[in-house]
Amino acid sequence: MRFLLDDEQREFARSLDALLTAADTPAVVRGWAAGDHGPGLTLWRRLADAGVFALAVPEAYGGVGPLPVETAVAFVELGRHGVPGPLVESVAAGVLLGGVGGPAAKEWLPRIASGTAVVSLALEGYGPYALDADVADAVLTVTGDELRLARGAGGATGPGAASGPGVPTGPGGSTGRPAPTGPGAPTVSVDPARRLFRPEPGGEVVAAGPGVREAARAAGTWATFATAAQALGCGEALLRATVAYVKQRTQFGVPVGSFQAVKHRLADTLLGLEFARPLLYGAAVELADGAPGAGAAVAAAKVAAGEAGYAAARTALQLHGAVGYTEELDLAWWLRRARPLRDAWGTPSACRARVLAG
């Protein structure tokens, strides 16, 4: 089956590409990894203005979603440009809160859609870590039938940070909100721009009951789906950079890209990415239709995109030679991201099991 984006969706992709190209995302990624979140949060606001974070938020809460196809379009571009931050987690949090409703949804969903809040998320079955919890305004965790929300320190510097005469304060100059809960201890990641934190116990219980479990299942599916799109975009960036490099690098007086072995390696990489693309958009269509097999379709897309992106990283490293190992080369940040994206929000083995389960 062939999936074609319409004119509006293609224009959305072009506009995001232009926005991210102008933002110098390699510099943003380097700053984020070093702990300088300012440029990344500025870019976060611009992405919100472009409508990225509203795509999974229901219209009743100020969003335009759920729009899975447009989400795939956006996250392929975000992956291709290597944008840092809990992008997937904020979108999945929108699905989670939209599913449970209540006061927490009314408070946080409009902020997620508008980009004035950065939210991270940890769900059972997907690992114990919350991405970039140190910069998040809130960290959501689901354990069993309980949804907990821990307000983070990100509100002090995040996109929606507020201070001064217009901010209501309590005794001692407090904002009247519950005290922030620490993000927990950071864990070393293969990708320094993916800062992993194990959430500390606690937080406010904002919802409980069987509906939480169902909403968490949907949020996990969306997180897997958005990560698959990121992995595809990351693989595209790696392939594009490698093709450009082998056209310039010469051996024996000719470009190395003219060697048959190099051509075959690049062709195999391209095939992997192009086979993953229809699986991703097929999963988007099933999500949009609410099809019973949407979860399995998303898992299949994640396996294909994750493995294709990681294969693109191996190809890029091999064909760039020794220069591929250097941190001075922007390519290094995409090389480091490919494997974490392959494993985040559903490892290949877990996704294959989901596909077999139907």
Protein backbone atom coordinates (compact mmCIF):
# COMPACT_ATOMS: atom_id res chain seq x y z
CA MET A 1 0.00 0.00 0.00
CA ARG A 2 1.22 3.49 -0.82
CA PHE A 3 0.64 6.37 1.58
CA LEU A 4 0.75 9.90 0.21
CA LEU A 5 0.67 13.02 2.35
CA ASP A 6 -1.70 15.76 1.22
CA ASP A 7 -0.56 19.27 0.32
CA GLU A 8 -1.20 20.66 3.79
CA GLN A 9 0.78 17.88 5.47
CA ARG A 10 3.69 18.33 3.10
CA GLU A 11 3.68 22.07 3.74
CA PHE A 12 3.69 21.38 7.48
CA ALA A 13 6.81 19.24 7.03
CA ARG A 14 8.50 21.93 4.93
CA SER A 15 7.70 24.65 7.46
CA LEU A 16 9.14 22.60 10.33
CA ASP A 17 12.23 21.81 8.27
CA ALA A 18 12.78 25.51 7.60
CA LEU A 19 12.18 26.43 11.25
CA LEU A 20 14.62 23.82 12.56
CA THR A 21 17.27 24.55 9.94
CA ALA A 22 17.24 28.21 10.92
CA ALA A 23 17.44 27.30 14.63
CA ASP A 24 20.91 25.69 14.29
CA THR A 25 19.81 22.54 16.14
CA PRO A 26 23.33 21.05 16.44
CA ALA A 27 24.25 24.01 18.67
CA VAL A 28 21.01 23.55 20.61
CA VAL A 29 21.80 19.85 21.15
CA ARG A 30 25.32 20.62 22.36
CA GLY A 31 23.99 23.19 24.79
CA TRP A 32 21.28 20.85 26.08
CA ALA A 33 23.82 18.09 26.72
CA ALA A 34 26.00 20.57 28.63
CA GLY A 35 23.09 21.66 30.84
CA ASP A 36 22.29 24.91 29.01
CA HIS A 37 18.56 24.50 28.39
CA GLY A 38 17.86 28.08 27.33
CA PRO A 39 18.20 27.67 23.55
CA GLY A 40 16.32 24.38 23.68
CA LEU A 41 13.40 25.91 25.57
CA THR A 42 13.30 28.82 23.15
CA LEU A 43 13.03 26.31 20.32
CA TRP A 44 10.34 24.47 22.33
CA ARG A 45 8.19 27.61 22.29
CA ARG A 46 8.66 28.00 18.55
CA LEU A 47 7.61 24.41 17.97
CA ALA A 48 4.53 25.02 20.11
CA ASP A 49 3.70 28.06 18.00
CA ALA A 50 3.91 25.79 14.95
CA GLY A 51 1.30 23.52 16.55
CA VAL A 52 3.48 20.48 17.31
CA PHE A 53 2.37 19.93 20.90
CA ALA A 54 -1.31 20.46 20.15
CA LEU A 55 -1.43 17.50 17.76
CA ALA A 56 -2.26 14.90 20.43
CA VAL A 57 -4.25 17.17 22.77
CA PRO A 58 -8.04 16.96 22.35
CA GLU A 59 -9.81 20.04 21.03
CA ALA A 60 -11.76 20.38 24.28
CA TYR A 61 -8.49 21.28 26.01
CA GLY A 62 -7.10 23.70 23.45
CA GLY A 63 -5.49 21.20 21.12
CA VAL A 64 -6.26 20.04 17.59
CA GLY A 65 -5.89 16.31 18.09
CA PRO A 66 -5.58 13.55 18.05
CA LEU A 67 -3.91 13.73 14.64
CA PRO A 68 -1.56 10.74 14.26
CA VAL A 69 -0.51 11.40 10.65
CA GLU A 70 0.49 14.98 11.39
CA THR A 71 2.26 13.76 14.53
CA ALA A 72 4.30 11.36 12.39
CA VAL A 73 5.15 14.17 9.97
CA ALA A 74 6.30 16.39 12.84
CA PHE A 75 8.36 13.78 14.66
CA VAL A 76 10.17 12.64 11.53
CA GLU A 77 11.36 16.24 11.17
CA LEU A 78 12.21 16.50 14.87
CA GLY A 79 14.26 13.31 14.60
CA ARG A 80 15.94 14.41 11.39
CA HIS A 81 17.07 17.64 13.04
CA GLY A 82 17.95 15.99 16.36
CA VAL A 83 15.82 18.26 18.54
CA PRO A 84 16.45 17.50 22.25
CA GLY A 85 13.99 17.38 25.12
CA PRO A 86 11.01 15.28 26.28
CA LEU A 87 9.11 15.78 23.04
CA VAL A 88 7.69 12.27 22.90
CA GLU A 89 6.86 12.34 26.60
CA SER A 90 4.94 15.62 26.37
CA VAL A 91 2.86 14.32 23.47
CA ALA A 92 2.19 11.02 25.26
CA ALA A 93 1.29 12.95 28.43
CA GLY A 94 -1.33 14.76 26.39
CA VAL A 95 -2.86 11.42 25.41
CA LEU A 96 -2.69 10.17 29.01
CA LEU A 97 -4.31 13.22 30.58
CA GLY A 98 -6.86 13.43 27.80
CA GLY A 99 -7.84 9.84 28.59
CA VAL A 100 -8.30 10.32 32.34
CA GLY A 101 -9.77 13.84 32.25
CA GLY A 102 -10.48 15.67 35.49
CA PRO A 103 -8.81 18.69 37.10
CA ALA A 104 -5.29 17.62 36.10
CA ALA A 105 -6.30 17.51 32.44
CA LYS A 106 -7.91 20.95 32.69
CA GLU A 107 -4.78 22.40 34.27
CA TRP A 108 -2.06 20.78 32.20
CA LEU A 109 -3.42 20.00 28.74
CA PRO A 110 -3.83 23.64 27.63
CA ARG A 111 -0.29 24.28 28.87
CA ILE A 112 1.09 21.28 26.98
CA ALA A 113 -0.70 22.34 23.79
CA SER A 114 0.56 25.92 24.04
CA GLY A 115 4.11 24.89 24.94
CA THR A 116 4.05 26.73 28.27
CA ALA A 117 4.72 23.47 30.13
CA VAL A 118 7.34 20.79 29.57
CA VAL A 119 6.14 17.42 30.82
CA SER A 120 8.01 14.15 31.18
CA LEU A 121 6.52 10.72 31.69
CA ALA A 122 7.35 7.27 33.02
CA LEU A 123 5.04 4.29 32.47
CA GLU A 124 5.19 0.75 33.75
CA GLY A 125 6.56 -1.64 31.16
CA TYR A 126 8.70 0.97 29.40
CA GLY A 127 11.61 1.35 31.78
CA PRO A 128 12.02 3.27 35.05
CA TYR A 129 13.31 6.55 33.62
CA ALA A 130 11.74 9.91 32.85
CA LEU A 131 13.57 11.81 30.11
CA ASP A 132 14.87 15.27 31.01
CA ALA A 133 12.94 15.35 34.28
CA ASP A 134 15.29 18.05 35.54
CA VAL A 135 13.84 20.57 33.09
CA ALA A 136 10.22 19.41 33.27
CA ASP A 137 7.45 21.43 34.89
CA ALA A 138 5.80 18.13 35.82
CA VAL A 139 6.65 14.44 35.77
CA LEU A 140 3.77 11.99 35.37
CA THR A 141 4.12 8.40 36.56
CA VAL A 142 1.65 5.55 36.35
CA THR A 143 1.85 2.63 38.74
CA GLY A 144 -0.97 0.12 38.54
CA ASP A 145 -4.20 2.11 38.51
CA GLU A 146 -2.69 5.29 39.94
CA LEU A 147 -1.55 8.38 38.07
CA ARG A 148 0.79 10.60 40.06
CA LEU A 149 2.00 14.07 39.18
CA ALA A 150 5.18 15.50 40.66
CA ARG A 151 5.72 19.16 40.01
CA GLY A 152 9.28 19.73 38.89
CA ALA A 153 11.75 22.54 39.12
CA GLY A 154 11.40 23.25 35.41
CA GLY A 155 8.78 25.91 36.10
CA ALA A 156 11.55 28.19 37.29
CA THR A 157 13.22 28.27 33.90
CA GLY A 158 10.82 26.48 31.56
CA PRO A 159 8.82 27.89 28.64
CA GLY A 160 5.99 29.01 30.88
CA ALA A 161 8.13 30.38 33.69
CA ALA A 162 6.57 33.33 35.43
CA SER A 163 7.74 35.70 38.11
CA GLY A 164 7.30 39.24 39.28
CA PRO A 165 4.34 41.41 40.29
CA GLY A 166 1.80 39.47 38.24
CA VAL A 167 2.44 36.15 39.98
CA PRO A 168 0.35 35.42 43.10
CA THR A 169 2.48 34.55 46.09
CA GLY A 170 1.91 33.16 49.55
CA PRO A 171 3.74 33.57 52.82
CA GLY A 172 7.46 33.92 52.36
CA GLY A 173 7.07 34.75 48.68
CA SER A 174 5.92 31.24 47.62
CA THR A 175 3.69 30.80 44.60
CA GLY A 176 1.09 28.92 46.60
CA ARG A 177 1.74 25.72 44.64
CA PRO A 178 3.02 22.47 46.13
CA ALA A 179 6.79 22.41 46.51
CA PRO A 180 8.63 20.92 43.53
CA THR A 181 9.60 17.28 43.76
CA GLY A 182 13.18 16.51 42.75
CA PRO A 183 13.70 14.70 39.47
CA GLY A 184 15.73 11.94 41.11
CA ALA A 185 19.24 10.87 40.30
CA PRO A 186 20.50 11.20 36.70
CA THR A 187 21.67 8.09 34.87
CA VAL A 188 24.39 8.09 32.25
CA SER A 189 22.99 7.72 28.73
CA VAL A 190 24.69 6.75 25.48
CA ASP A 191 23.36 10.07 24.18
CA PRO A 192 24.43 12.92 26.51
CA ALA A 193 21.52 15.01 25.21
CA ARG A 194 19.04 12.39 26.51
CA ARG A 195 19.19 12.98 30.26
CA LEU A 196 17.60 10.07 32.11
CA PHE A 197 16.19 10.37 35.63
CA ARG A 198 14.59 7.80 37.89
CA PRO A 199 11.59 9.60 39.41
CA GLU A 200 11.57 9.76 43.19
CA PRO A 201 8.62 8.20 45.04
CA GLY A 202 5.78 10.50 45.84
CA GLY A 203 3.82 13.06 43.95
CA GLU A 204 0.15 13.92 44.02
CA VAL A 205 -2.37 11.24 43.02
CA VAL A 206 -4.41 12.98 40.32
CA ALA A 207 -6.38 9.98 39.05
CA ALA A 208 -7.03 6.38 40.02
CA GLY A 209 -9.03 3.45 38.75
CA PRO A 210 -9.26 1.20 35.68
CA GLY A 211 -9.47 4.21 33.38
CA VAL A 212 -5.92 5.17 34.29
CA ARG A 213 -4.60 1.82 33.11
CA GLU A 214 -6.42 2.14 29.80
CA ALA A 215 -5.24 5.72 29.29
CA ALA A 216 -1.67 4.66 30.10
CA ARG A 217 -1.87 1.91 27.49
CA ALA A 218 -2.93 4.46 24.86
CA ALA A 219 -0.20 6.88 25.97
CA GLY A 220 2.42 4.14 25.69
CA THR A 221 1.26 3.34 22.17
CA TRP A 222 1.55 6.99 21.16
CA ALA A 223 5.00 7.25 22.75
CA THR A 224 6.13 4.20 20.79
CA PHE A 225 4.66 5.68 17.63
CA ALA A 226 6.32 9.10 18.02
CA THR A 227 9.66 7.48 18.85
CA ALA A 228 9.42 5.38 15.69
CA ALA A 229 8.97 8.59 13.70
CA GLN A 230 11.97 10.15 15.43
CA ALA A 231 14.08 7.08 14.65
CA LEU A 232 13.11 7.27 10.98
CA GLY A 233 14.05 10.94 10.83
CA CYS A 234 17.36 10.27 12.59
CA GLY A 235 18.17 7.55 10.07
CA GLU A 236 17.35 9.88 7.18
CA ALA A 237 19.72 12.53 8.54
CA LEU A 238 22.52 9.98 8.95
CA LEU A 239 22.07 8.64 5.44
CA ARG A 240 21.96 12.11 3.90
CA ALA A 241 25.15 13.18 5.70
CA THR A 242 26.92 9.98 4.68
CA VAL A 243 25.98 10.27 1.01
CA ALA A 244 27.31 13.84 0.99
CA TYR A 245 30.55 12.73 2.65
CA VAL A 246 31.34 9.80 0.33
CA LYS A 247 30.91 12.13 -2.65
CA GLN A 248 33.69 14.34 -1.27
CA ARG A 249 36.13 11.87 0.27
CA THR A 250 38.54 10.40 -2.27
CA GLN A 251 40.81 7.37 -2.43
CA PHE A 252 42.92 6.31 -5.40
CA GLY A 253 41.95 9.56 -7.04
CA VAL A 254 38.18 8.95 -7.09
CA PRO A 255 35.31 9.56 -4.64
CA VAL A 256 34.81 6.59 -2.33
CA GLY A 257 31.11 6.78 -3.16
CA SER A 258 31.94 5.38 -6.59
CA PHE A 259 33.04 2.05 -5.10
CA GLN A 260 30.48 -0.72 -5.53
CA ALA A 261 30.72 -1.91 -1.92
CA VAL A 262 29.95 1.60 -0.66
CA LYS A 263 27.02 1.94 -3.07
CA HIS A 264 25.55 -1.36 -1.90
CA ARG A 265 25.88 -0.41 1.77
CA LEU A 266 24.11 2.89 1.16
CA ALA A 267 21.41 1.23 -0.94
CA ASP A 268 20.71 -1.29 1.82
CA THR A 269 20.42 1.55 4.31
CA LEU A 270 18.00 3.43 2.07
CA LEU A 271 15.86 0.32 1.58
CA GLY A 272 15.56 -0.18 5.33
CA LEU A 273 14.36 3.38 5.84
CA GLU A 274 11.96 3.29 2.90
CA PHE A 275 10.43 0.01 4.07
CA ALA A 276 9.89 1.53 7.52
CA ARG A 277 8.11 4.63 6.18
CA PRO A 278 4.86 2.97 4.99
CA LEU A 279 4.70 0.97 8.22
CA LEU A 280 4.86 4.23 10.17
CA TYR A 281 2.15 5.95 8.16
CA GLY A 282 0.07 2.77 8.07
CA ALA A 283 0.19 2.74 11.87
CA ALA A 284 -0.83 6.42 11.86
CA VAL A 285 -3.91 5.60 9.78
CA GLU A 286 -4.85 2.76 12.15
CA LEU A 287 -4.43 5.03 15.17
CA ALA A 288 -6.60 7.68 13.52
CA ASP A 289 -9.30 5.10 12.81
CA GLY A 290 -9.10 3.57 16.27
CA ALA A 291 -8.50 0.16 14.70
CA PRO A 292 -8.20 -2.82 17.07
CA GLY A 293 -4.82 -3.71 15.55
CA ALA A 294 -3.34 -0.24 15.95
CA GLY A 295 -1.05 -1.31 18.80
CA ALA A 296 0.48 -4.12 16.77
CA ALA A 297 0.85 -1.83 13.74
CA VAL A 298 2.68 0.74 15.88
CA ALA A 299 4.97 -1.97 17.27
CA ALA A 300 5.81 -3.16 13.75
CA ALA A 301 6.62 0.40 12.71
CA LYS A 302 8.83 0.85 15.76
CA VAL A 303 10.83 -2.31 15.01
CA ALA A 304 11.33 -1.36 11.37
CA ALA A 305 12.16 2.32 11.99
CA GLY A 306 14.33 1.64 15.02
CA GLU A 307 16.38 -1.03 13.30
CA ALA A 308 16.65 1.02 10.10
CA GLY A 309 17.82 4.09 12.03
CA TYR A 310 20.41 2.06 13.93
CA ALA A 311 21.60 0.44 10.68
CA ALA A 312 21.98 3.94 9.21
CA ALA A 313 24.16 4.88 12.20
CA ARG A 314 26.41 1.86 11.66
CA THR A 315 26.70 2.69 7.97
CA ALA A 316 27.48 6.33 8.71
CA LEU A 317 30.17 5.40 11.21
CA GLN A 318 31.76 2.86 8.86
CA LEU A 319 31.83 5.12 5.82
CA HIS A 320 32.96 8.25 7.66
CA GLY A 321 35.99 6.36 8.92
CA ALA A 322 37.99 7.80 11.80
CA VAL A 323 36.35 11.21 11.52
CA GLY A 324 33.05 9.60 12.51
CA TYR A 325 34.34 9.09 16.06
CA THR A 326 35.06 12.76 16.72
CA GLU A 327 32.73 14.88 18.84
CA GLU A 328 33.62 17.95 16.78
CA LEU A 329 31.59 16.47 13.95
CA ASP A 330 27.86 17.21 14.34
CA LEU A 331 27.16 13.73 13.00
CA ALA A 332 28.32 12.29 16.34
CA TRP A 333 25.12 13.46 18.04
CA TRP A 334 22.93 11.57 15.57
CA LEU A 335 25.16 8.50 15.84
CA ARG A 336 24.68 8.51 19.61
CA ARG A 337 20.94 8.96 19.36
CA ALA A 338 20.11 6.14 16.95
CA ARG A 339 20.48 3.28 19.42
CA PRO A 340 18.61 4.93 22.33
CA LEU A 341 15.74 5.67 19.94
CA ARG A 342 15.74 2.04 18.82
CA ASP A 343 15.25 0.90 22.42
CA ALA A 344 13.18 3.72 23.95
CA TRP A 345 9.45 3.19 24.42
CA GLY A 346 9.61 -0.41 23.24
CA THR A 347 12.71 -2.48 22.60
CA PRO A 348 12.85 -4.50 19.37
CA SER A 349 12.13 -7.74 21.25
CA ALA A 350 9.18 -6.22 23.11
CA CYS A 351 7.73 -4.78 19.91
CA ARG A 352 8.13 -8.06 18.05
CA ALA A 353 6.28 -9.80 20.87
CA ARG A 354 3.51 -7.21 20.56
CA VAL A 355 3.24 -7.84 16.83
CA LEU A 356 3.00 -11.61 17.36
CA ALA A 357 0.33 -11.11 20.02
CA GLY A 358 -1.76 -9.27 17.42
